[in-house]
Amino acid sequence: MIQGFKEFIMRGSVIELAVAVIIGAAFTAIVTAIVDSVINPLIGAFVPSGDLAGWVIEIPGIFATAELGIGAIISAIINFLAVALVVYLALVVPMNKLAERRAAKNPVEDEPAGATSEELLTEIRDLLAKQQQS
């Protein structure tokens, strides 16, 4: 059991995943800081409270006023989209280009096309005709 666990941990994919999670967390902190320090204040200039994260919509109730933190939701959406965009541009696009270059260097040889169903049926017909003549 210990040996199996050791083999599992030492697999490259598990270690790569751990590194990716750690780098992703650090990278998310950078993007969050940029969104909170640059993007939110710019958008906040057009919001009544002056701060996007602090923007709330008040809904009067019978006993108390409910405050919906719409600004925090918008801020989280912007943060997510910023992280997704950077991951796409920094990781996905270069990896796709690398895969295209590898495919261009090592072209896949086309396998010879098999006989079509019409050709096979013609061969069967010819064989049956030969059998009947014999």
N, C-alpha and C. Protein backbone atom coordinates (compact mmCIF):
# COMPACT_ATOMS: atom_id res chain seq x y z
N MET A 1 0.83 -1.19 0.00
CA MET A 1 0.00 0.00 0.00
C MET A 1 0.87 1.25 0.00
N ILE A 2 1.90 1.27 0.81
CA ILE A 2 2.81 2.42 0.86
C ILE A 2 3.52 2.59 -0.48
N GLN A 3 3.91 1.46 -1.09
CA GLN A 3 4.60 1.52 -2.37
C GLN A 3 3.68 2.11 -3.45
N GLY A 4 2.42 1.69 -3.46
CA GLY A 4 1.46 2.22 -4.42
C GLY A 4 1.25 3.72 -4.26
N PHE A 5 1.17 4.16 -3.00
CA PHE A 5 1.02 5.60 -2.74
C PHE A 5 2.25 6.36 -3.20
N LYS A 6 3.42 5.79 -2.95
CA LYS A 6 4.67 6.43 -3.36
C LYS A 6 4.73 6.57 -4.89
N GLU A 7 4.32 5.53 -5.60
CA GLU A 7 4.30 5.59 -7.06
C GLU A 7 3.30 6.63 -7.56
N PHE A 8 2.17 6.70 -6.90
CA PHE A 8 1.15 7.69 -7.28
C PHE A 8 1.68 9.11 -7.12
N ILE A 9 2.32 9.39 -5.99
CA ILE A 9 2.84 10.73 -5.72
C ILE A 9 3.98 11.08 -6.67
N MET A 10 4.79 10.12 -7.03
CA MET A 10 5.95 10.39 -7.86
C MET A 10 5.62 10.49 -9.35
N ARG A 11 4.39 10.25 -9.72
CA ARG A 11 4.01 10.43 -11.12
C ARG A 11 4.19 11.88 -11.51
N GLY A 12 4.58 12.10 -12.73
CA GLY A 12 4.80 13.46 -13.20
C GLY A 12 3.54 14.30 -13.18
N SER A 13 2.41 13.69 -13.50
CA SER A 13 1.17 14.47 -13.60
C SER A 13 0.74 15.03 -12.24
N VAL A 14 0.97 14.29 -11.15
CA VAL A 14 0.58 14.78 -9.83
C VAL A 14 1.45 15.96 -9.43
N ILE A 15 2.73 15.86 -9.67
CA ILE A 15 3.65 16.95 -9.31
C ILE A 15 3.38 18.17 -10.19
N GLU A 16 3.15 17.95 -11.48
CA GLU A 16 2.83 19.07 -12.37
C GLU A 16 1.54 19.76 -11.93
N LEU A 17 0.57 18.99 -11.51
CA LEU A 17 -0.68 19.57 -11.04
C LEU A 17 -0.47 20.41 -9.79
N ALA A 18 0.34 19.92 -8.87
CA ALA A 18 0.62 20.67 -7.65
C ALA A 18 1.32 21.99 -7.97
N VAL A 19 2.29 21.94 -8.87
CA VAL A 19 2.99 23.16 -9.28
C VAL A 19 2.01 24.12 -9.95
N ALA A 20 1.13 23.61 -10.78
CA ALA A 20 0.16 24.46 -11.47
C ALA A 20 -0.78 25.15 -10.48
N VAL A 21 -1.21 24.44 -9.46
CA VAL A 21 -2.10 25.03 -8.46
C VAL A 21 -1.39 26.14 -7.70
N ILE A 22 -0.15 25.91 -7.32
CA ILE A 22 0.60 26.92 -6.58
C ILE A 22 0.84 28.16 -7.44
N ILE A 23 1.29 27.96 -8.67
CA ILE A 23 1.52 29.10 -9.56
C ILE A 23 0.21 29.80 -9.88
N GLY A 24 -0.85 29.04 -10.06
CA GLY A 24 -2.16 29.64 -10.34
C GLY A 24 -2.64 30.52 -9.19
N ALA A 25 -2.43 30.07 -7.97
CA ALA A 25 -2.84 30.87 -6.81
C ALA A 25 -2.04 32.17 -6.74
N ALA A 26 -0.73 32.08 -6.98
CA ALA A 26 0.10 33.29 -6.97
C ALA A 26 -0.28 34.22 -8.11
N PHE A 27 -0.54 33.65 -9.25
CA PHE A 27 -0.92 34.45 -10.41
C PHE A 27 -2.27 35.12 -10.21
N THR A 28 -3.21 34.40 -9.60
CA THR A 28 -4.52 34.98 -9.31
C THR A 28 -4.38 36.18 -8.38
N ALA A 29 -3.46 36.11 -7.43
CA ALA A 29 -3.25 37.25 -6.52
C ALA A 29 -2.77 38.48 -7.30
N ILE A 30 -1.91 38.27 -8.29
CA ILE A 30 -1.42 39.39 -9.10
C ILE A 30 -2.57 40.00 -9.90
N VAL A 31 -3.35 39.16 -10.56
CA VAL A 31 -4.46 39.67 -11.37
C VAL A 31 -5.50 40.34 -10.49
N THR A 32 -5.78 39.78 -9.32
CA THR A 32 -6.73 40.39 -8.40
C THR A 32 -6.25 41.78 -7.97
N ALA A 33 -4.97 41.90 -7.70
CA ALA A 33 -4.42 43.21 -7.32
C ALA A 33 -4.57 44.22 -8.45
N ILE A 34 -4.34 43.80 -9.67
CA ILE A 34 -4.49 44.71 -10.82
C ILE A 34 -5.95 45.11 -10.98
N VAL A 35 -6.85 44.14 -10.88
CA VAL A 35 -8.28 44.45 -11.02
C VAL A 35 -8.73 45.38 -9.91
N ASP A 36 -8.33 45.09 -8.66
CA ASP A 36 -8.76 45.92 -7.53
C ASP A 36 -8.13 47.31 -7.56
N SER A 37 -6.90 47.42 -8.04
CA SER A 37 -6.19 48.70 -7.99
C SER A 37 -6.37 49.56 -9.23
N VAL A 38 -6.64 48.95 -10.36
CA VAL A 38 -6.71 49.72 -11.61
C VAL A 38 -8.12 49.70 -12.23
N ILE A 39 -8.62 48.50 -12.49
CA ILE A 39 -9.88 48.39 -13.23
C ILE A 39 -11.07 48.83 -12.39
N ASN A 40 -11.18 48.34 -11.15
CA ASN A 40 -12.32 48.71 -10.31
C ASN A 40 -12.40 50.22 -10.06
N PRO A 41 -11.30 50.92 -9.76
CA PRO A 41 -11.41 52.37 -9.59
C PRO A 41 -11.86 53.09 -10.86
N LEU A 42 -11.42 52.60 -12.03
CA LEU A 42 -11.87 53.22 -13.28
C LEU A 42 -13.38 53.05 -13.47
N ILE A 43 -13.87 51.85 -13.21
CA ILE A 43 -15.31 51.61 -13.32
C ILE A 43 -16.05 52.33 -12.19
N GLY A 44 -15.41 52.38 -11.02
CA GLY A 44 -16.03 53.04 -9.87
C GLY A 44 -16.31 54.51 -10.11
N ALA A 45 -15.58 55.12 -11.05
CA ALA A 45 -15.82 56.53 -11.37
C ALA A 45 -17.21 56.74 -11.96
N PHE A 46 -17.81 55.67 -12.46
CA PHE A 46 -19.13 55.78 -13.08
C PHE A 46 -20.23 55.15 -12.21
N VAL A 47 -19.90 54.82 -10.97
CA VAL A 47 -20.84 54.19 -10.05
C VAL A 47 -21.18 55.20 -8.96
N PRO A 48 -22.43 55.22 -8.50
CA PRO A 48 -22.82 56.23 -7.51
C PRO A 48 -21.97 56.25 -6.24
N SER A 49 -21.49 55.10 -5.77
CA SER A 49 -20.73 55.09 -4.51
C SER A 49 -19.27 55.49 -4.73
N GLY A 50 -18.80 55.49 -5.97
CA GLY A 50 -17.42 55.82 -6.25
C GLY A 50 -16.47 54.64 -6.12
N ASP A 51 -16.95 53.52 -5.63
CA ASP A 51 -16.14 52.32 -5.48
C ASP A 51 -16.96 51.14 -5.98
N LEU A 52 -16.44 50.44 -6.98
CA LEU A 52 -17.22 49.36 -7.58
C LEU A 52 -17.53 48.26 -6.55
N ALA A 53 -16.53 47.87 -5.75
CA ALA A 53 -16.74 46.79 -4.79
C ALA A 53 -17.74 47.21 -3.70
N GLY A 54 -17.83 48.49 -3.42
CA GLY A 54 -18.75 48.96 -2.38
C GLY A 54 -20.12 49.36 -2.91
N TRP A 55 -20.37 49.17 -4.20
CA TRP A 55 -21.65 49.56 -4.79
C TRP A 55 -22.72 48.57 -4.37
N VAL A 56 -23.76 49.07 -3.73
CA VAL A 56 -24.88 48.24 -3.30
C VAL A 56 -26.17 48.84 -3.83
N ILE A 57 -27.12 47.99 -4.04
CA ILE A 57 -28.47 48.42 -4.41
C ILE A 57 -29.35 48.17 -3.20
N GLU A 58 -30.00 49.22 -2.74
CA GLU A 58 -30.84 49.10 -1.55
C GLU A 58 -32.27 48.81 -1.97
N ILE A 59 -32.85 47.81 -1.32
CA ILE A 59 -34.24 47.44 -1.57
C ILE A 59 -34.98 47.65 -0.25
N PRO A 60 -35.91 48.59 -0.22
CA PRO A 60 -36.63 48.84 1.03
C PRO A 60 -37.55 47.66 1.37
N GLY A 61 -37.56 47.32 2.63
CA GLY A 61 -38.41 46.24 3.10
C GLY A 61 -39.35 46.75 4.18
N ILE A 62 -40.11 45.86 4.77
CA ILE A 62 -41.07 46.25 5.80
C ILE A 62 -40.35 46.62 7.09
N PHE A 63 -39.36 45.83 7.50
CA PHE A 63 -38.68 46.07 8.76
C PHE A 63 -37.29 46.67 8.59
N ALA A 64 -36.64 46.34 7.49
CA ALA A 64 -35.28 46.84 7.26
C ALA A 64 -35.03 46.95 5.77
N THR A 65 -33.98 47.64 5.43
CA THR A 65 -33.59 47.79 4.03
C THR A 65 -32.57 46.70 3.69
N ALA A 66 -32.81 46.01 2.59
CA ALA A 66 -31.88 44.98 2.13
C ALA A 66 -30.87 45.62 1.18
N GLU A 67 -29.62 45.25 1.34
CA GLU A 67 -28.56 45.77 0.48
C GLU A 67 -27.97 44.63 -0.35
N LEU A 68 -28.09 44.76 -1.65
CA LEU A 68 -27.52 43.78 -2.55
C LEU A 68 -26.16 44.28 -3.02
N GLY A 69 -25.11 43.54 -2.75
CA GLY A 69 -23.75 43.93 -3.12
C GLY A 69 -23.45 43.64 -4.57
N ILE A 70 -24.10 44.36 -5.46
CA ILE A 70 -23.93 44.14 -6.90
C ILE A 70 -22.52 44.45 -7.36
N GLY A 71 -21.87 45.41 -6.73
CA GLY A 71 -20.52 45.79 -7.10
C GLY A 71 -19.52 44.68 -6.87
N ALA A 72 -19.66 43.95 -5.76
CA ALA A 72 -18.75 42.85 -5.46
C ALA A 72 -18.90 41.73 -6.49
N ILE A 73 -20.12 41.50 -6.94
CA ILE A 73 -20.37 40.47 -7.96
C ILE A 73 -19.73 40.87 -9.28
N ILE A 74 -19.94 42.13 -9.67
CA ILE A 74 -19.34 42.62 -10.92
C ILE A 74 -17.83 42.57 -10.83
N SER A 75 -17.28 42.93 -9.69
CA SER A 75 -15.84 42.89 -9.48
C SER A 75 -15.31 41.46 -9.62
N ALA A 76 -16.00 40.49 -9.05
CA ALA A 76 -15.58 39.09 -9.15
C ALA A 76 -15.65 38.60 -10.59
N ILE A 77 -16.67 39.02 -11.34
CA ILE A 77 -16.79 38.63 -12.74
C ILE A 77 -15.64 39.21 -13.55
N ILE A 78 -15.32 40.48 -13.32
CA ILE A 78 -14.21 41.11 -14.02
C ILE A 78 -12.90 40.38 -13.68
N ASN A 79 -12.72 40.06 -12.41
CA ASN A 79 -11.52 39.34 -11.98
C ASN A 79 -11.41 37.99 -12.68
N PHE A 80 -12.50 37.24 -12.73
CA PHE A 80 -12.51 35.94 -13.40
C PHE A 80 -12.17 36.07 -14.87
N LEU A 81 -12.81 37.02 -15.54
CA LEU A 81 -12.55 37.20 -16.97
C LEU A 81 -11.11 37.62 -17.23
N ALA A 82 -10.55 38.45 -16.35
CA ALA A 82 -9.15 38.87 -16.51
C ALA A 82 -8.22 37.67 -16.35
N VAL A 83 -8.45 36.84 -15.35
CA VAL A 83 -7.61 35.65 -15.15
C VAL A 83 -7.76 34.71 -16.34
N ALA A 84 -8.98 34.48 -16.80
CA ALA A 84 -9.22 33.59 -17.93
C ALA A 84 -8.53 34.11 -19.19
N LEU A 85 -8.59 35.42 -19.43
CA LEU A 85 -7.96 36.00 -20.61
C LEU A 85 -6.45 35.83 -20.57
N VAL A 86 -5.86 36.11 -19.43
CA VAL A 86 -4.40 35.99 -19.31
C VAL A 86 -3.97 34.53 -19.44
N VAL A 87 -4.69 33.61 -18.83
CA VAL A 87 -4.35 32.19 -18.96
C VAL A 87 -4.47 31.76 -20.42
N TYR A 88 -5.50 32.22 -21.10
CA TYR A 88 -5.67 31.87 -22.51
C TYR A 88 -4.50 32.41 -23.34
N LEU A 89 -4.17 33.69 -23.14
CA LEU A 89 -3.11 34.30 -23.94
C LEU A 89 -1.73 33.79 -23.56
N ALA A 90 -1.50 33.50 -22.28
CA ALA A 90 -0.17 33.09 -21.83
C ALA A 90 0.07 31.59 -21.97
N LEU A 91 -0.98 30.78 -21.92
CA LEU A 91 -0.78 29.33 -21.93
C LEU A 91 -1.41 28.63 -23.14
N VAL A 92 -2.67 28.88 -23.38
CA VAL A 92 -3.38 28.12 -24.41
C VAL A 92 -2.87 28.46 -25.80
N VAL A 93 -2.76 29.74 -26.13
CA VAL A 93 -2.32 30.14 -27.47
C VAL A 93 -0.90 29.62 -27.75
N PRO A 94 0.08 29.84 -26.85
CA PRO A 94 1.41 29.31 -27.15
C PRO A 94 1.45 27.78 -27.26
N MET A 95 0.69 27.08 -26.44
CA MET A 95 0.68 25.62 -26.53
C MET A 95 0.06 25.14 -27.85
N ASN A 96 -0.98 25.83 -28.32
CA ASN A 96 -1.57 25.49 -29.61
C ASN A 96 -0.57 25.73 -30.74
N LYS A 97 0.17 26.83 -30.67
CA LYS A 97 1.18 27.13 -31.69
C LYS A 97 2.28 26.06 -31.66
N LEU A 98 2.69 25.66 -30.46
CA LEU A 98 3.71 24.62 -30.33
C LEU A 98 3.22 23.30 -30.91
N ALA A 99 1.98 22.96 -30.65
CA ALA A 99 1.41 21.72 -31.20
C ALA A 99 1.35 21.78 -32.72
N GLU A 100 1.01 22.95 -33.27
CA GLU A 100 0.98 23.11 -34.74
C GLU A 100 2.37 22.94 -35.32
N ARG A 101 3.39 23.51 -34.67
CA ARG A 101 4.76 23.38 -35.17
C ARG A 101 5.23 21.93 -35.12
N ARG A 102 4.89 21.24 -34.03
CA ARG A 102 5.27 19.83 -33.93
C ARG A 102 4.58 19.01 -35.02
N ALA A 103 3.32 19.31 -35.26
CA ALA A 103 2.58 18.58 -36.30
C ALA A 103 3.16 18.87 -37.68
N ALA A 104 3.64 20.10 -37.91
CA ALA A 104 4.22 20.44 -39.20
C ALA A 104 5.57 19.74 -39.39
N LYS A 105 6.35 19.58 -38.30
CA LYS A 105 7.64 18.90 -38.39
C LYS A 105 7.47 17.40 -38.63
N ASN A 106 6.51 16.82 -37.97
CA ASN A 106 6.26 15.39 -38.07
C ASN A 106 4.89 15.15 -38.68
N PRO A 107 4.77 15.28 -39.99
CA PRO A 107 3.44 15.09 -40.58
C PRO A 107 2.99 13.64 -40.44
N VAL A 108 1.73 13.49 -40.18
CA VAL A 108 1.15 12.16 -40.05
C VAL A 108 0.98 11.59 -41.44
N GLU A 109 1.53 10.40 -41.63
CA GLU A 109 1.41 9.78 -42.94
C GLU A 109 -0.02 9.29 -43.13
N ASP A 110 -0.56 9.62 -44.28
CA ASP A 110 -1.91 9.18 -44.58
C ASP A 110 -1.89 7.69 -44.87
N GLU A 111 -2.81 6.99 -44.25
CA GLU A 111 -2.93 5.57 -44.51
C GLU A 111 -3.63 5.40 -45.85
N PRO A 112 -3.27 4.36 -46.56
CA PRO A 112 -3.96 4.17 -47.84
C PRO A 112 -5.45 3.95 -47.59
N ALA A 113 -6.21 4.58 -48.43
CA ALA A 113 -7.66 4.48 -48.27
C ALA A 113 -8.12 3.06 -48.59
N GLY A 114 -9.01 2.57 -47.77
CA GLY A 114 -9.55 1.25 -47.98
C GLY A 114 -10.52 1.26 -49.15
N ALA A 115 -10.88 0.08 -49.56
CA ALA A 115 -11.82 -0.04 -50.67
C ALA A 115 -13.18 0.48 -50.25
N THR A 116 -13.85 1.11 -51.18
CA THR A 116 -15.20 1.60 -50.89
C THR A 116 -16.17 0.43 -50.90
N SER A 117 -17.35 0.66 -50.39
CA SER A 117 -18.34 -0.42 -50.34
C SER A 117 -18.73 -0.84 -51.76
N GLU A 118 -18.74 0.09 -52.69
CA GLU A 118 -19.09 -0.27 -54.08
C GLU A 118 -18.03 -1.19 -54.68
N GLU A 119 -16.74 -0.90 -54.39
CA GLU A 119 -15.67 -1.74 -54.92
C GLU A 119 -15.74 -3.14 -54.31
N LEU A 120 -16.03 -3.21 -53.01
CA LEU A 120 -16.16 -4.52 -52.36
C LEU A 120 -17.33 -5.31 -52.92
N LEU A 121 -18.44 -4.63 -53.15
CA LEU A 121 -19.61 -5.32 -53.72
C LEU A 121 -19.32 -5.80 -55.14
N THR A 122 -18.56 -5.03 -55.89
CA THR A 122 -18.19 -5.44 -57.25
C THR A 122 -17.31 -6.68 -57.20
N GLU A 123 -16.35 -6.73 -56.27
CA GLU A 123 -15.49 -7.90 -56.12
C GLU A 123 -16.31 -9.13 -55.74
N ILE A 124 -17.25 -8.95 -54.82
CA ILE A 124 -18.10 -10.08 -54.40
C ILE A 124 -18.92 -10.58 -55.58
N ARG A 125 -19.46 -9.65 -56.36
CA ARG A 125 -20.26 -10.04 -57.53
C ARG A 125 -19.42 -10.83 -58.52
N ASP A 126 -18.19 -10.34 -58.76
CA ASP A 126 -17.31 -11.03 -59.71
C ASP A 126 -16.93 -12.42 -59.21
N LEU A 127 -16.66 -12.54 -57.90
CA LEU A 127 -16.32 -13.86 -57.34
C LEU A 127 -17.51 -14.82 -57.44
N LEU A 128 -18.70 -14.32 -57.15
CA LEU A 128 -19.89 -15.18 -57.27
C LEU A 128 -20.12 -15.60 -58.71
N ALA A 129 -19.87 -14.70 -59.65
CA ALA A 129 -20.03 -15.04 -61.06
C ALA A 129 -19.04 -16.11 -61.47
N LYS A 130 -17.80 -16.03 -60.99
CA LYS A 130 -16.78 -17.05 -61.31
C LYS A 130 -17.17 -18.41 -60.73
N GLN A 131 -17.74 -18.39 -59.50
CA GLN A 131 -18.14 -19.65 -58.85
C GLN A 131 -19.27 -20.31 -59.61
N GLN A 132 -20.19 -19.53 -60.14
CA GLN A 132 -21.32 -20.10 -60.87
C GLN A 132 -20.88 -20.67 -62.22
N GLN A 133 -19.85 -20.07 -62.80
CA GLN A 133 -19.37 -20.57 -64.10
C GLN A 133 -18.58 -21.87 -63.94
N SER A 134 -18.02 -22.07 -62.77
CA SER A 134 -17.22 -23.29 -62.59
C SER A 134 -18.03 -24.51 -62.35
